[in-house]
Amino acid sequence: MKFAYPKDVNYEEIEDRMELLSFSIATTPLEIFKGDTLIDEATGFFYLGERDKIFLVTSKHCIFDERFYPDKIVIRLHTDIHDLSKNARREIELYKNGKPIWIEHEDKKVDVAMIEIDKEIVQGCYFACFTKEDIFSTKNPKVKKLVYEFEVGSTLLVVGYPVGLYDRANNLSIHRGAFLASKYTIWFEGKPCFLVDSYLPPGMSGSPVLTATAAFRRTIIVDIPYYLAGILQGPVQTPYLVTQRGLTAVSDIGLYYVWYADLLEEIIKYNY
C-alpha cells in the first residue's frame, strides 16, 4: 500500500498515523448525482497503477444506471491526518465531451469500473492506494503460496459505507467481517468472481474485500497479512417459488459476488 500526503509534510512524523488509518483512508464514500439530485450512495477505493496513475475503483453499476444516468460523483478526502474532521469534498464529472471517463474490463459482464483521478483533485489530501503488490493472486509471486492456503470458511474484511452509514465526523469507513463461501482461485459459475458469506447492505458495492490475518487449513492456522482479494459487487439473488400464491420472488440469501482483484491490472492493460 502506498500513502499520499501533502508535499510539505515530513512522512516520518505521520507514518504511524497513516498506518493506523490505512484501510479507512484507502476508501471513500461515493455520492452519486444526476444534476444536483443525490440518487444513490456507494463505496470507492484508490488504486495506484504504473507511472503513478491514481485510480478510483468502484462497481460499474454504481456509476452507470440506465434508469437515472448519473453524471457526477462526489468523494471525501482528509486534509488533516491528525484532525480527521477536516475534509475536502471533491466532485468528479462522469462524462467528458459526452463520453464516459471510466475504464472497464474487455469482458463487459465484469462489474468493475476505474476512473483515473486528476492529481489536482487529491492535491493537499491524505489517502492510501492499493498497489499490484497488494493483490491476493497466484499472479503475485509474493503471495502465490499463501493463496493456496486460503480455504473456504476463511475470514475476510470488507471496508465500506453500508446504507451510507459511517463515522461522518471523522470520515471513517465501516469494517465488516465476511467468510469465503466458494473455492478461491476457481471462478464461480465460469465468471472471474467468488462468493462471500456476510451481511453487506446497499452502499457497500465497490468496497475492497481484504484477506484477514489468519486462515484455517485443516487444523493449522496460517498467518496471512491483509491483501486485496477483490471488489464487492452485491448480493446473490436467488429466484424461489412462493407456493401459497404460485409467484416467483427474489431473496437475499446472505451471499455476495466479489470480483477478483487481479482484474484491476487487466483493466489497465486493456485500456492503456
C-alpha atoms as a PDB file:
ATOM      1  CA  MET A   1       0.000   0.000   0.000  1.00  0.00           C
ATOM      2  CA  LYS A   2       1.248   3.454  -0.909  1.00  0.00           C
ATOM      3  CA  PHE A   3       0.441   6.582   1.072  1.00  0.00           C
ATOM      4  CA  ALA A   4      -0.162  10.040  -0.375  1.00  0.00           C
ATOM      5  CA  TYR A   5       0.153  13.259   1.601  1.00  0.00           C
ATOM      6  CA  PRO A   6       0.949  16.961   1.033  1.00  0.00           C
ATOM      7  CA  LYS A   7       4.427  17.696  -0.291  1.00  0.00           C
ATOM      8  CA  ASP A   8       5.447  19.879   2.642  1.00  0.00           C
ATOM      9  CA  VAL A   9       4.769  17.104   5.223  1.00  0.00           C
ATOM     10  CA  ASN A  10       7.534  15.038   6.801  1.00  0.00           C
ATOM     11  CA  TYR A  11       6.362  11.429   6.419  1.00  0.00           C
ATOM     12  CA  GLU A  12       8.247  10.233   9.492  1.00  0.00           C
ATOM     13  CA  GLU A  13       6.002  12.453  11.606  1.00  0.00           C
ATOM     14  CA  ILE A  14       2.788  10.903  10.245  1.00  0.00           C
ATOM     15  CA  GLU A  15       3.862   7.340   9.432  1.00  0.00           C
ATOM     16  CA  ASP A  16       2.229   5.707  12.461  1.00  0.00           C
ATOM     17  CA  ARG A  17      -0.973   7.666  11.934  1.00  0.00           C
ATOM     18  CA  MET A  18      -1.175   6.732   8.255  1.00  0.00           C
ATOM     19  CA  GLU A  19      -0.566   3.058   9.036  1.00  0.00           C
ATOM     20  CA  LEU A  20      -3.250   3.117  11.722  1.00  0.00           C
ATOM     21  CA  LEU A  21      -5.839   4.539   9.321  1.00  0.00           C
ATOM     22  CA  SER A  22      -4.644   2.780   6.174  1.00  0.00           C
ATOM     23  CA  PHE A  23      -7.811   0.941   5.107  1.00  0.00           C
ATOM     24  CA  SER A  24     -10.101   3.809   6.070  1.00  0.00           C
ATOM     25  CA  ILE A  25      -8.143   6.377   4.076  1.00  0.00           C
ATOM     26  CA  ALA A  26      -7.858   3.983   1.113  1.00  0.00           C
ATOM     27  CA  THR A  27     -11.651   4.100   0.768  1.00  0.00           C
ATOM     28  CA  THR A  28     -14.054   6.956   0.168  1.00  0.00           C
ATOM     29  CA  PRO A  29     -17.821   7.347   0.298  1.00  0.00           C
ATOM     30  CA  LEU A  30     -19.326   7.911  -3.139  1.00  0.00           C
ATOM     31  CA  GLU A  31     -22.281  10.234  -3.512  1.00  0.00           C
ATOM     32  CA  ILE A  32     -23.859   9.707  -6.923  1.00  0.00           C
ATOM     33  CA  PHE A  33     -25.700  12.578  -8.591  1.00  0.00           C
ATOM     34  CA  LYS A  34     -27.924  13.298 -11.549  1.00  0.00           C
ATOM     35  CA  GLY A  35     -27.539  17.033 -11.906  1.00  0.00           C
ATOM     36  CA  ASP A  36     -27.946  18.392  -8.383  1.00  0.00           C
ATOM     37  CA  THR A  37     -30.031  15.448  -7.193  1.00  0.00           C
ATOM     38  CA  LEU A  38     -28.414  12.797  -5.000  1.00  0.00           C
ATOM     39  CA  ILE A  39     -29.687   9.474  -6.345  1.00  0.00           C
ATOM     40  CA  ASP A  40     -27.502   6.880  -4.643  1.00  0.00           C
ATOM     41  CA  GLU A  41     -24.517   6.178  -2.401  1.00  0.00           C
ATOM     42  CA  ALA A  42     -21.756   3.608  -2.754  1.00  0.00           C
ATOM     43  CA  THR A  43     -18.128   2.849  -1.916  1.00  0.00           C
ATOM     44  CA  GLY A  44     -14.925   3.529  -3.804  1.00  0.00           C
ATOM     45  CA  PHE A  45     -11.244   2.890  -3.116  1.00  0.00           C
ATOM     46  CA  PHE A  46      -7.927   4.037  -4.530  1.00  0.00           C
ATOM     47  CA  TYR A  47      -5.516   2.003  -6.629  1.00  0.00           C
ATOM     48  CA  LEU A  48      -2.087   3.058  -7.860  1.00  0.00           C
ATOM     49  CA  GLY A  49      -1.157   1.847 -11.318  1.00  0.00           C
ATOM     50  CA  GLU A  50       2.049   2.117 -13.285  1.00  0.00           C
ATOM     51  CA  ARG A  51       3.569   5.559 -13.868  1.00  0.00           C
ATOM     52  CA  ASP A  52       1.871   6.641 -10.625  1.00  0.00           C
ATOM     53  CA  LYS A  53      -1.584   6.787 -12.173  1.00  0.00           C
ATOM     54  CA  ILE A  54      -4.191   7.073  -9.398  1.00  0.00           C
ATOM     55  CA  PHE A  55      -7.484   5.298  -9.977  1.00  0.00           C
ATOM     56  CA  LEU A  56     -10.775   5.379  -8.118  1.00  0.00           C
ATOM     57  CA  VAL A  57     -12.293   1.886  -8.187  1.00  0.00           C
ATOM     58  CA  THR A  58     -15.968   1.036  -7.703  1.00  0.00           C
ATOM     59  CA  SER A  59     -18.720  -1.158  -9.118  1.00  0.00           C
ATOM     60  CA  LYS A  60     -19.723  -0.169 -12.642  1.00  0.00           C
ATOM     61  CA  HIS A  61     -23.431  -0.419 -11.823  1.00  0.00           C
ATOM     62  CA  CYS A  62     -22.977   2.357  -9.255  1.00  0.00           C
ATOM     63  CA  ILE A  63     -21.979   4.964 -11.837  1.00  0.00           C
ATOM     64  CA  PHE A  64     -23.805   3.640 -14.896  1.00  0.00           C
ATOM     65  CA  ASP A  65     -27.508   3.155 -14.272  1.00  0.00           C
ATOM     66  CA  GLU A  66     -29.860   3.104 -17.271  1.00  0.00           C
ATOM     67  CA  ARG A  67     -32.748   4.247 -15.077  1.00  0.00           C
ATOM     68  CA  PHE A  68     -31.156   7.515 -13.943  1.00  0.00           C
ATOM     69  CA  TYR A  69     -27.914   8.006 -15.922  1.00  0.00           C
ATOM     70  CA  PRO A  70     -25.897   9.665 -13.139  1.00  0.00           C
ATOM     71  CA  ASP A  71     -23.465  12.300 -14.373  1.00  0.00           C
ATOM     72  CA  LYS A  72     -21.396  13.191 -11.322  1.00  0.00           C
ATOM     73  CA  ILE A  73     -19.902  11.649  -8.195  1.00  0.00           C
ATOM     74  CA  VAL A  74     -18.587  13.292  -5.047  1.00  0.00           C
ATOM     75  CA  ILE A  75     -15.802  11.870  -2.879  1.00  0.00           C
ATOM     76  CA  ARG A  76     -14.478  12.993   0.517  1.00  0.00           C
ATOM     77  CA  LEU A  77     -10.777  13.145   1.409  1.00  0.00           C
ATOM     78  CA  HIS A  78      -8.942  14.012   4.598  1.00  0.00           C
ATOM     79  CA  THR A  79      -6.978  17.259   4.613  1.00  0.00           C
ATOM     80  CA  ASP A  80      -5.524  16.854   8.119  1.00  0.00           C
ATOM     81  CA  ILE A  81      -4.369  13.417   9.272  1.00  0.00           C
ATOM     82  CA  HIS A  82      -4.432  14.470  12.924  1.00  0.00           C
ATOM     83  CA  ASP A  83      -7.781  16.275  12.866  1.00  0.00           C
ATOM     84  CA  LEU A  84      -9.978  13.875  10.891  1.00  0.00           C
ATOM     85  CA  SER A  85     -12.933  16.252  10.953  1.00  0.00           C
ATOM     86  CA  LYS A  86     -11.168  18.339   8.294  1.00  0.00           C
ATOM     87  CA  ASN A  87     -12.179  17.036   4.876  1.00  0.00           C
ATOM     88  CA  ALA A  88     -12.359  18.103   1.267  1.00  0.00           C
ATOM     89  CA  ARG A  89     -15.426  17.448  -0.886  1.00  0.00           C
ATOM     90  CA  ARG A  90     -14.320  16.811  -4.458  1.00  0.00           C
ATOM     91  CA  GLU A  91     -16.624  16.494  -7.487  1.00  0.00           C
ATOM     92  CA  ILE A  92     -15.847  14.266 -10.473  1.00  0.00           C
ATOM     93  CA  GLU A  93     -17.849  14.540 -13.694  1.00  0.00           C
ATOM     94  CA  LEU A  94     -18.560  11.106 -15.155  1.00  0.00           C
ATOM     95  CA  TYR A  95     -18.618  12.266 -18.783  1.00  0.00           C
ATOM     96  CA  LYS A  96     -16.258  14.381 -20.855  1.00  0.00           C
ATOM     97  CA  ASN A  97     -17.429  15.576 -24.260  1.00  0.00           C
ATOM     98  CA  GLY A  98     -20.299  13.128 -23.944  1.00  0.00           C
ATOM     99  CA  LYS A  99     -18.044  10.121 -23.365  1.00  0.00           C
ATOM    100  CA  PRO A 100     -17.691   8.213 -20.061  1.00  0.00           C
ATOM    101  CA  ILE A 101     -14.433   8.854 -18.233  1.00  0.00           C
ATOM    102  CA  TRP A 102     -14.251   5.446 -16.593  1.00  0.00           C
ATOM    103  CA  ILE A 103     -12.488   2.386 -17.984  1.00  0.00           C
ATOM    104  CA  GLU A 104     -13.704  -1.186 -17.699  1.00  0.00           C
ATOM    105  CA  HIS A 105     -12.771  -4.776 -18.489  1.00  0.00           C
ATOM    106  CA  GLU A 106     -12.942  -6.105 -22.032  1.00  0.00           C
ATOM    107  CA  ASP A 107     -15.491  -8.585 -20.672  1.00  0.00           C
ATOM    108  CA  LYS A 108     -18.391  -6.153 -20.224  1.00  0.00           C
ATOM    109  CA  LYS A 109     -20.038  -8.503 -17.711  1.00  0.00           C
ATOM    110  CA  VAL A 110     -17.320  -7.662 -15.172  1.00  0.00           C
ATOM    111  CA  ASP A 111     -18.986  -5.144 -12.852  1.00  0.00           C
ATOM    112  CA  VAL A 112     -15.891  -3.058 -12.083  1.00  0.00           C
ATOM    113  CA  ALA A 113     -15.073   0.492 -13.174  1.00  0.00           C
ATOM    114  CA  MET A 114     -11.896   2.524 -12.742  1.00  0.00           C
ATOM    115  CA  ILE A 115     -11.630   6.300 -13.000  1.00  0.00           C
ATOM    116  CA  GLU A 116      -8.213   7.871 -13.465  1.00  0.00           C
ATOM    117  CA  ILE A 117      -8.003  10.708 -10.968  1.00  0.00           C
ATOM    118  CA  ASP A 118      -6.538  14.069 -11.891  1.00  0.00           C
ATOM    119  CA  LYS A 119      -3.832  14.705  -9.301  1.00  0.00           C
ATOM    120  CA  GLU A 120      -5.150  18.221  -8.765  1.00  0.00           C
ATOM    121  CA  ILE A 121      -8.276  16.649  -7.257  1.00  0.00           C
ATOM    122  CA  VAL A 122      -6.282  14.959  -4.499  1.00  0.00           C
ATOM    123  CA  GLN A 123      -3.697  17.685  -4.013  1.00  0.00           C
ATOM    124  CA  GLY A 124      -3.202  18.549  -0.339  1.00  0.00           C
ATOM    125  CA  CYS A 125      -5.012  15.406   0.853  1.00  0.00           C
ATOM    126  CA  TYR A 126      -4.060  12.327   2.843  1.00  0.00           C
ATOM    127  CA  PHE A 127      -5.057   8.953   1.432  1.00  0.00           C
ATOM    128  CA  ALA A 128      -3.770   5.460   0.671  1.00  0.00           C
ATOM    129  CA  CYS A 129      -3.691   3.393  -2.507  1.00  0.00           C
ATOM    130  CA  PHE A 130      -3.620  -0.345  -3.011  1.00  0.00           C
ATOM    131  CA  THR A 131      -0.990  -1.477  -5.493  1.00  0.00           C
ATOM    132  CA  LYS A 132      -0.213  -4.503  -7.654  1.00  0.00           C
ATOM    133  CA  GLU A 133       1.913  -5.864  -4.799  1.00  0.00           C
ATOM    134  CA  ASP A 134      -1.171  -5.915  -2.540  1.00  0.00           C
ATOM    135  CA  ILE A 135      -3.255  -8.137  -4.823  1.00  0.00           C
ATOM    136  CA  PHE A 136      -4.001 -11.593  -3.428  1.00  0.00           C
ATOM    137  CA  SER A 137      -3.484 -13.713  -6.520  1.00  0.00           C
ATOM    138  CA  THR A 138      -1.372 -16.537  -7.870  1.00  0.00           C
ATOM    139  CA  LYS A 139      -0.124 -13.949 -10.380  1.00  0.00           C
ATOM    140  CA  ASN A 140       1.581 -12.137  -7.485  1.00  0.00           C
ATOM    141  CA  PRO A 141       4.786 -14.100  -6.741  1.00  0.00           C
ATOM    142  CA  LYS A 142       4.944 -12.575  -3.265  1.00  0.00           C
ATOM    143  CA  VAL A 143       1.753 -14.338  -2.150  1.00  0.00           C
ATOM    144  CA  LYS A 144       1.359 -17.227  -4.606  1.00  0.00           C
ATOM    145  CA  LYS A 145       1.913 -19.880  -1.943  1.00  0.00           C
ATOM    146  CA  LEU A 146      -0.391 -18.156   0.532  1.00  0.00           C
ATOM    147  CA  VAL A 147      -3.241 -18.165  -1.973  1.00  0.00           C
ATOM    148  CA  TYR A 148      -3.333 -21.961  -1.918  1.00  0.00           C
ATOM    149  CA  GLU A 149      -3.651 -21.882   1.881  1.00  0.00           C
ATOM    150  CA  PHE A 150      -6.792 -19.763   1.632  1.00  0.00           C
ATOM    151  CA  GLU A 151      -9.705 -22.116   2.211  1.00  0.00           C
ATOM    152  CA  VAL A 152     -13.494 -21.921   2.196  1.00  0.00           C
ATOM    153  CA  GLY A 153     -14.540 -20.515   5.596  1.00  0.00           C
ATOM    154  CA  SER A 154     -11.506 -18.242   5.869  1.00  0.00           C
ATOM    155  CA  THR A 155     -12.154 -14.745   7.206  1.00  0.00           C
ATOM    156  CA  LEU A 156     -12.280 -11.641   5.032  1.00  0.00           C
ATOM    157  CA  LEU A 157     -12.708  -7.957   5.775  1.00  0.00           C
ATOM    158  CA  VAL A 158     -14.996  -5.669   3.753  1.00  0.00           C
ATOM    159  CA  VAL A 159     -14.439  -1.917   4.087  1.00  0.00           C
ATOM    160  CA  GLY A 160     -17.197   0.459   3.041  1.00  0.00           C
ATOM    161  CA  TYR A 161     -20.274   2.545   3.753  1.00  0.00           C
ATOM    162  CA  PRO A 162     -23.397   0.388   4.340  1.00  0.00           C
ATOM    163  CA  VAL A 163     -26.601   2.332   3.578  1.00  0.00           C
ATOM    164  CA  GLY A 164     -24.458   5.480   3.714  1.00  0.00           C
ATOM    165  CA  LEU A 165     -23.556   4.793   7.338  1.00  0.00           C
ATOM    166  CA  TYR A 166     -20.097   5.733   8.573  1.00  0.00           C
ATOM    167  CA  ASP A 167     -18.333   7.986  11.041  1.00  0.00           C
ATOM    168  CA  ARG A 168     -19.200  11.228   9.279  1.00  0.00           C
ATOM    169  CA  ALA A 169     -17.493  13.363  11.928  1.00  0.00           C
ATOM    170  CA  ASN A 170     -14.149  11.748  11.093  1.00  0.00           C
ATOM    171  CA  ASN A 171     -14.910  10.479   7.570  1.00  0.00           C
ATOM    172  CA  LEU A 172     -14.017   6.901   8.532  1.00  0.00           C
ATOM    173  CA  SER A 173     -15.484   3.811   6.926  1.00  0.00           C
ATOM    174  CA  ILE A 174     -17.167   0.763   8.460  1.00  0.00           C
ATOM    175  CA  HIS A 175     -15.349  -2.592   8.558  1.00  0.00           C
ATOM    176  CA  ARG A 176     -17.453  -5.740   8.259  1.00  0.00           C
ATOM    177  CA  GLY A 177     -16.433  -9.370   8.546  1.00  0.00           C
ATOM    178  CA  ALA A 178     -17.170 -11.987   5.899  1.00  0.00           C
ATOM    179  CA  PHE A 179     -16.348 -15.620   5.177  1.00  0.00           C
ATOM    180  CA  LEU A 180     -15.105 -17.145   1.959  1.00  0.00           C
ATOM    181  CA  ALA A 181     -18.087 -19.094   0.620  1.00  0.00           C
ATOM    182  CA  SER A 182     -16.719 -20.556  -2.634  1.00  0.00           C
ATOM    183  CA  LYS A 183     -13.369 -22.051  -3.570  1.00  0.00           C
ATOM    184  CA  TYR A 184     -10.795 -19.315  -4.067  1.00  0.00           C
ATOM    185  CA  THR A 185      -8.968 -19.307  -7.447  1.00  0.00           C
ATOM    186  CA  ILE A 186     -11.841 -21.261  -9.061  1.00  0.00           C
ATOM    187  CA  TRP A 187     -14.159 -18.941 -10.976  1.00  0.00           C
ATOM    188  CA  PHE A 188     -17.719 -19.141  -9.691  1.00  0.00           C
ATOM    189  CA  GLU A 189     -20.070 -20.239 -12.484  1.00  0.00           C
ATOM    190  CA  GLY A 190     -17.343 -19.507 -15.017  1.00  0.00           C
ATOM    191  CA  LYS A 191     -17.076 -15.817 -14.079  1.00  0.00           C
ATOM    192  CA  PRO A 192     -13.919 -14.225 -12.557  1.00  0.00           C
ATOM    193  CA  CYS A 193     -15.532 -13.871  -9.149  1.00  0.00           C
ATOM    194  CA  PHE A 194     -16.001 -15.693  -5.853  1.00  0.00           C
ATOM    195  CA  LEU A 195     -18.654 -15.640  -3.125  1.00  0.00           C
ATOM    196  CA  VAL A 196     -18.556 -14.406   0.449  1.00  0.00           C
ATOM    197  CA  ASP A 197     -20.996 -15.055   3.277  1.00  0.00           C
ATOM    198  CA  SER A 198     -21.887 -11.939   5.264  1.00  0.00           C
ATOM    199  CA  TYR A 199     -24.431  -9.143   5.604  1.00  0.00           C
ATOM    200  CA  LEU A 200     -23.418  -6.312   3.295  1.00  0.00           C
ATOM    201  CA  PRO A 201     -26.263  -3.821   2.725  1.00  0.00           C
ATOM    202  CA  PRO A 202     -26.583  -1.436  -0.240  1.00  0.00           C
ATOM    203  CA  GLY A 203     -23.929   1.250  -0.165  1.00  0.00           C
ATOM    204  CA  MET A 204     -21.077  -1.245   0.098  1.00  0.00           C
ATOM    205  CA  SER A 205     -20.964  -2.018  -3.610  1.00  0.00           C
ATOM    206  CA  GLY A 206     -17.460  -1.206  -4.783  1.00  0.00           C
ATOM    207  CA  SER A 207     -15.872  -1.993  -1.411  1.00  0.00           C
ATOM    208  CA  PRO A 208     -12.404  -3.545  -1.242  1.00  0.00           C
ATOM    209  CA  VAL A 209     -12.522  -7.095   0.110  1.00  0.00           C
ATOM    210  CA  LEU A 210      -9.389  -7.988   2.078  1.00  0.00           C
ATOM    211  CA  THR A 211      -7.891 -11.184   3.391  1.00  0.00           C
ATOM    212  CA  ALA A 212      -7.893 -11.168   7.193  1.00  0.00           C
ATOM    213  CA  THR A 213      -4.939 -12.027   9.401  1.00  0.00           C
ATOM    214  CA  ALA A 214      -5.372 -15.799   9.607  1.00  0.00           C
ATOM    215  CA  ALA A 215      -6.787 -18.630   7.524  1.00  0.00           C
ATOM    216  CA  PHE A 216      -7.631 -22.158   8.589  1.00  0.00           C
ATOM    217  CA  ARG A 217      -6.217 -25.059   6.602  1.00  0.00           C
ATOM    218  CA  ARG A 218      -7.218 -28.380   8.084  1.00  0.00           C
ATOM    219  CA  THR A 219      -6.227 -27.941  11.758  1.00  0.00           C
ATOM    220  CA  ILE A 220      -3.458 -25.431  11.172  1.00  0.00           C
ATOM    221  CA  ILE A 221      -3.824 -21.664  11.439  1.00  0.00           C
ATOM    222  CA  VAL A 222      -1.810 -19.973   8.717  1.00  0.00           C
ATOM    223  CA  ASP A 223      -0.932 -16.317   9.205  1.00  0.00           C
ATOM    224  CA  ILE A 224      -1.837 -14.213   6.174  1.00  0.00           C
ATOM    225  CA  PRO A 225      -1.354 -10.422   6.206  1.00  0.00           C
ATOM    226  CA  TYR A 226      -4.025  -8.185   4.718  1.00  0.00           C
ATOM    227  CA  TYR A 227      -4.164  -8.328   0.941  1.00  0.00           C
ATOM    228  CA  LEU A 228      -6.670  -7.071  -1.623  1.00  0.00           C
ATOM    229  CA  ALA A 229      -8.712 -10.121  -2.635  1.00  0.00           C
ATOM    230  CA  GLY A 230     -11.471  -8.478  -4.628  1.00  0.00           C
ATOM    231  CA  ILE A 231     -14.109  -5.834  -5.305  1.00  0.00           C
ATOM    232  CA  LEU A 232     -17.592  -6.302  -3.874  1.00  0.00           C
ATOM    233  CA  GLN A 233     -20.437  -6.260  -6.400  1.00  0.00           C
ATOM    234  CA  GLY A 234     -23.565  -7.108  -4.441  1.00  0.00           C
ATOM    235  CA  PRO A 235     -25.911  -9.883  -3.318  1.00  0.00           C
ATOM    236  CA  VAL A 236     -26.606 -13.179  -4.991  1.00  0.00           C
ATOM    237  CA  GLN A 237     -30.345 -13.072  -5.571  1.00  0.00           C
ATOM    238  CA  THR A 238     -31.988 -16.452  -5.979  1.00  0.00           C
ATOM    239  CA  PRO A 239     -35.450 -16.938  -7.525  1.00  0.00           C
ATOM    240  CA  TYR A 240     -37.722 -19.164  -5.468  1.00  0.00           C
ATOM    241  CA  LEU A 241     -41.343 -20.208  -5.594  1.00  0.00           C
ATOM    242  CA  VAL A 242     -43.846 -18.746  -3.150  1.00  0.00           C
ATOM    243  CA  THR A 243     -46.058 -21.812  -3.044  1.00  0.00           C
ATOM    244  CA  GLN A 244     -49.088 -20.164  -1.469  1.00  0.00           C
ATOM    245  CA  ARG A 245     -49.619 -17.869  -4.459  1.00  0.00           C
ATOM    246  CA  GLY A 246     -47.508 -19.550  -7.084  1.00  0.00           C
ATOM    247  CA  LEU A 247     -45.375 -16.433  -7.534  1.00  0.00           C
ATOM    248  CA  THR A 248     -41.659 -16.164  -8.198  1.00  0.00           C
ATOM    249  CA  ALA A 249     -39.838 -13.808  -5.860  1.00  0.00           C
ATOM    250  CA  VAL A 250     -36.221 -12.899  -5.105  1.00  0.00           C
ATOM    251  CA  SER A 251     -34.463 -13.402  -1.806  1.00  0.00           C
ATOM    252  CA  ASP A 252     -31.191 -12.012  -0.468  1.00  0.00           C
ATOM    253  CA  ILE A 253     -29.657 -15.172   0.954  1.00  0.00           C
ATOM    254  CA  GLY A 254     -26.598 -13.574   2.559  1.00  0.00           C
ATOM    255  CA  LEU A 255     -24.154 -14.456  -0.232  1.00  0.00           C
ATOM    256  CA  TYR A 256     -22.343 -11.792  -2.260  1.00  0.00           C
ATOM    257  CA  TYR A 257     -20.384 -11.666  -5.502  1.00  0.00           C
ATOM    258  CA  VAL A 258     -16.782 -10.423  -5.329  1.00  0.00           C
ATOM    259  CA  TRP A 259     -14.686  -9.843  -8.464  1.00  0.00           C
ATOM    260  CA  TYR A 260     -11.060 -10.956  -8.258  1.00  0.00           C
ATOM    261  CA  ALA A 261      -8.673  -8.079  -7.619  1.00  0.00           C
ATOM    262  CA  ASP A 262      -6.249  -9.069 -10.379  1.00  0.00           C
ATOM    263  CA  LEU A 263      -8.884  -7.837 -12.836  1.00  0.00           C
ATOM    264  CA  LEU A 264      -7.708  -4.308 -11.992  1.00  0.00           C
ATOM    265  CA  GLU A 265      -4.401  -4.849 -13.752  1.00  0.00           C
ATOM    266  CA  GLU A 266      -6.213  -6.452 -16.690  1.00  0.00           C
ATOM    267  CA  ILE A 267      -8.475  -3.398 -16.997  1.00  0.00           C
ATOM    268  CA  ILE A 268      -5.497  -1.044 -17.003  1.00  0.00           C
ATOM    269  CA  LYS A 269      -3.613  -3.157 -19.560  1.00  0.00           C
ATOM    270  CA  TYR A 270      -6.686  -3.351 -21.821  1.00  0.00           C
ATOM    271  CA  ASN A 271      -7.289   0.420 -21.798  1.00  0.00           C
ATOM    272  CA  TYR A 272      -3.764   1.874 -21.875  1.00  0.00           C
END
